[in-house]
Amino acid sequence: SVNRDLKKEIKEAEKMLTQIDMTRIPSYQLGMEKGLEKGMEKGLEKGMEKGLEKGMERGQVTLLTRLLSYKFGTLSSMVMQRIDNARPEELATWGERVLSAKKLDEVFL
């Protein structure tokens, strides 16, 4: 009978332990806040880096387009699409070639 009562109390204690609301424990709350803060900082940092990269790439596209238009006149939609789809390294190379190219095709060799 004592054994049965003890088992009953153990089951009741186990039940109570599984029903603890972790979010109400101060150390848990502090850990969650710090984790959330760190995650937000990292996310913001990565977002700013990506935004800066995209902005610089957009600037390269704009500059190359302006230089080509100034030197060779209106650009076809095919040329514009090629520029828009180019990698940053290609844009830089083409930008350098604008200086010496006699014809538009020479830029994209």
C-alpha atoms as a PDB file:
ATOM      1  CA  SER A   1       0.000   0.000   0.000  1.00  0.00           C
ATOM      2  CA  VAL A   2       2.874   2.378   0.824  1.00  0.00           C
ATOM      3  CA  ASN A   3       4.503   1.339  -2.442  1.00  0.00           C
ATOM      4  CA  ARG A   4       1.287   2.090  -4.349  1.00  0.00           C
ATOM      5  CA  ASP A   5       0.993   5.533  -2.718  1.00  0.00           C
ATOM      6  CA  LEU A   6       4.628   6.262  -3.543  1.00  0.00           C
ATOM      7  CA  LYS A   7       4.098   5.311  -7.196  1.00  0.00           C
ATOM      8  CA  LYS A   8       1.020   7.542  -7.291  1.00  0.00           C
ATOM      9  CA  GLU A   9       3.011  10.480  -5.880  1.00  0.00           C
ATOM     10  CA  ILE A  10       5.843   9.893  -8.376  1.00  0.00           C
ATOM     11  CA  LYS A  11       3.377   9.901 -11.269  1.00  0.00           C
ATOM     12  CA  GLU A  12       1.806  13.100  -9.939  1.00  0.00           C
ATOM     13  CA  ALA A  13       5.257  14.747  -9.624  1.00  0.00           C
ATOM     14  CA  GLU A  14       6.182  13.678 -13.163  1.00  0.00           C
ATOM     15  CA  LYS A  15       2.916  15.130 -14.429  1.00  0.00           C
ATOM     16  CA  MET A  16       3.603  18.423 -12.658  1.00  0.00           C
ATOM     17  CA  LEU A  17       7.147  18.604 -14.072  1.00  0.00           C
ATOM     18  CA  THR A  18       5.916  18.231 -17.634  1.00  0.00           C
ATOM     19  CA  GLN A  19       3.423  21.042 -17.097  1.00  0.00           C
ATOM     20  CA  ILE A  20       5.977  23.708 -16.124  1.00  0.00           C
ATOM     21  CA  ASP A  21       5.722  26.785 -18.322  1.00  0.00           C
ATOM     22  CA  MET A  22       9.361  27.378 -19.266  1.00  0.00           C
ATOM     23  CA  THR A  23       8.609  30.868 -20.551  1.00  0.00           C
ATOM     24  CA  ARG A  24       7.872  31.997 -16.995  1.00  0.00           C
ATOM     25  CA  ILE A  25      11.310  31.045 -15.669  1.00  0.00           C
ATOM     26  CA  PRO A  26      13.504  34.211 -15.558  1.00  0.00           C
ATOM     27  CA  SER A  27      16.701  32.515 -16.744  1.00  0.00           C
ATOM     28  CA  TYR A  28      14.802  30.993 -19.684  1.00  0.00           C
ATOM     29  CA  GLN A  29      13.356  34.409 -20.571  1.00  0.00           C
ATOM     30  CA  LEU A  30      16.794  36.023 -20.402  1.00  0.00           C
ATOM     31  CA  GLY A  31      18.298  33.290 -22.591  1.00  0.00           C
ATOM     32  CA  MET A  32      15.526  33.689 -25.150  1.00  0.00           C
ATOM     33  CA  GLU A  33      15.937  37.479 -25.211  1.00  0.00           C
ATOM     34  CA  LYS A  34      19.698  37.236 -25.693  1.00  0.00           C
ATOM     35  CA  GLY A  35      19.296  34.576 -28.403  1.00  0.00           C
ATOM     36  CA  LEU A  36      16.691  36.644 -30.217  1.00  0.00           C
ATOM     37  CA  GLU A  37      18.870  39.747 -29.970  1.00  0.00           C
ATOM     38  CA  LYS A  38      21.900  37.898 -31.400  1.00  0.00           C
ATOM     39  CA  GLY A  39      19.786  36.449 -34.211  1.00  0.00           C
ATOM     40  CA  MET A  40      18.421  39.866 -35.114  1.00  0.00           C
ATOM     41  CA  GLU A  41      21.914  41.397 -35.121  1.00  0.00           C
ATOM     42  CA  LYS A  42      23.241  38.676 -37.429  1.00  0.00           C
ATOM     43  CA  GLY A  43      20.219  38.963 -39.719  1.00  0.00           C
ATOM     44  CA  LEU A  44      20.549  42.735 -39.928  1.00  0.00           C
ATOM     45  CA  GLU A  45      24.280  42.470 -40.632  1.00  0.00           C
ATOM     46  CA  LYS A  46      23.753  39.932 -43.432  1.00  0.00           C
ATOM     47  CA  GLY A  47      20.911  41.997 -44.865  1.00  0.00           C
ATOM     48  CA  MET A  48      23.061  45.124 -44.934  1.00  0.00           C
ATOM     49  CA  GLU A  49      25.911  43.244 -46.639  1.00  0.00           C
ATOM     50  CA  LYS A  50      23.557  41.865 -49.302  1.00  0.00           C
ATOM     51  CA  GLY A  51      22.005  45.285 -49.820  1.00  0.00           C
ATOM     52  CA  LEU A  52      25.407  46.904 -50.215  1.00  0.00           C
ATOM     53  CA  GLU A  53      26.487  44.239 -52.729  1.00  0.00           C
ATOM     54  CA  LYS A  54      23.290  44.694 -54.740  1.00  0.00           C
ATOM     55  CA  GLY A  55      23.655  48.475 -54.654  1.00  0.00           C
ATOM     56  CA  MET A  56      27.238  48.333 -55.898  1.00  0.00           C
ATOM     57  CA  GLU A  57      26.266  45.894 -58.648  1.00  0.00           C
ATOM     58  CA  ARG A  58      23.380  48.151 -59.691  1.00  0.00           C
ATOM     59  CA  GLY A  59      25.823  51.072 -59.819  1.00  0.00           C
ATOM     60  CA  GLN A  60      28.153  49.099 -62.101  1.00  0.00           C
ATOM     61  CA  VAL A  61      25.248  48.287 -64.431  1.00  0.00           C
ATOM     62  CA  THR A  62      24.167  51.931 -64.542  1.00  0.00           C
ATOM     63  CA  LEU A  63      27.672  53.242 -65.196  1.00  0.00           C
ATOM     64  CA  LEU A  64      28.414  50.673 -67.916  1.00  0.00           C
ATOM     65  CA  THR A  65      25.078  51.366 -69.611  1.00  0.00           C
ATOM     66  CA  ARG A  66      25.719  55.112 -69.586  1.00  0.00           C
ATOM     67  CA  LEU A  67      29.264  54.754 -70.932  1.00  0.00           C
ATOM     68  CA  LEU A  68      28.162  52.408 -73.717  1.00  0.00           C
ATOM     69  CA  SER A  69      25.234  54.652 -74.665  1.00  0.00           C
ATOM     70  CA  TYR A  70      27.455  57.721 -74.710  1.00  0.00           C
ATOM     71  CA  LYS A  71      30.093  56.044 -76.878  1.00  0.00           C
ATOM     72  CA  PHE A  72      27.958  53.840 -79.165  1.00  0.00           C
ATOM     73  CA  GLY A  73      24.448  55.310 -79.055  1.00  0.00           C
ATOM     74  CA  THR A  74      21.194  53.610 -78.109  1.00  0.00           C
ATOM     75  CA  LEU A  75      21.655  50.059 -76.822  1.00  0.00           C
ATOM     76  CA  SER A  76      19.485  47.176 -78.004  1.00  0.00           C
ATOM     77  CA  SER A  77      17.296  45.299 -75.556  1.00  0.00           C
ATOM     78  CA  MET A  78      19.538  42.258 -76.099  1.00  0.00           C
ATOM     79  CA  VAL A  79      22.621  44.214 -74.951  1.00  0.00           C
ATOM     80  CA  MET A  80      20.691  45.622 -71.976  1.00  0.00           C
ATOM     81  CA  GLN A  81      19.568  42.130 -70.977  1.00  0.00           C
ATOM     82  CA  ARG A  82      23.128  40.831 -71.230  1.00  0.00           C
ATOM     83  CA  ILE A  83      24.349  43.633 -68.972  1.00  0.00           C
ATOM     84  CA  ASP A  84      21.520  43.082 -66.466  1.00  0.00           C
ATOM     85  CA  ASN A  85      22.325  39.360 -66.238  1.00  0.00           C
ATOM     86  CA  ALA A  86      26.106  39.786 -65.965  1.00  0.00           C
ATOM     87  CA  ARG A  87      28.225  38.921 -62.932  1.00  0.00           C
ATOM     88  CA  PRO A  88      30.120  41.766 -61.207  1.00  0.00           C
ATOM     89  CA  GLU A  89      33.447  40.534 -62.650  1.00  0.00           C
ATOM     90  CA  GLU A  90      32.047  40.704 -66.188  1.00  0.00           C
ATOM     91  CA  LEU A  91      30.710  44.204 -65.614  1.00  0.00           C
ATOM     92  CA  ALA A  92      34.144  45.370 -64.439  1.00  0.00           C
ATOM     93  CA  THR A  93      35.891  43.800 -67.446  1.00  0.00           C
ATOM     94  CA  TRP A  94      33.412  45.296 -69.902  1.00  0.00           C
ATOM     95  CA  GLY A  95      33.755  48.680 -68.220  1.00  0.00           C
ATOM     96  CA  GLU A  96      37.511  48.605 -68.822  1.00  0.00           C
ATOM     97  CA  ARG A  97      37.058  47.533 -72.437  1.00  0.00           C
ATOM     98  CA  VAL A  98      34.775  50.497 -73.173  1.00  0.00           C
ATOM     99  CA  LEU A  99      37.841  52.737 -73.032  1.00  0.00           C
ATOM    100  CA  SER A 100      39.618  51.097 -75.966  1.00  0.00           C
ATOM    101  CA  ALA A 101      36.746  49.559 -77.970  1.00  0.00           C
ATOM    102  CA  LYS A 102      36.091  50.956 -81.442  1.00  0.00           C
ATOM    103  CA  LYS A 103      32.870  48.956 -81.835  1.00  0.00           C
ATOM    104  CA  LEU A 104      30.283  47.791 -79.314  1.00  0.00           C
ATOM    105  CA  ASP A 105      31.040  44.115 -80.050  1.00  0.00           C
ATOM    106  CA  GLU A 106      34.638  44.580 -78.847  1.00  0.00           C
ATOM    107  CA  VAL A 107      33.397  45.319 -75.338  1.00  0.00           C
ATOM    108  CA  PHE A 108      31.800  41.879 -74.980  1.00  0.00           C
ATOM    109  CA  LEU A 109      34.598  39.724 -76.462  1.00  0.00           C
END
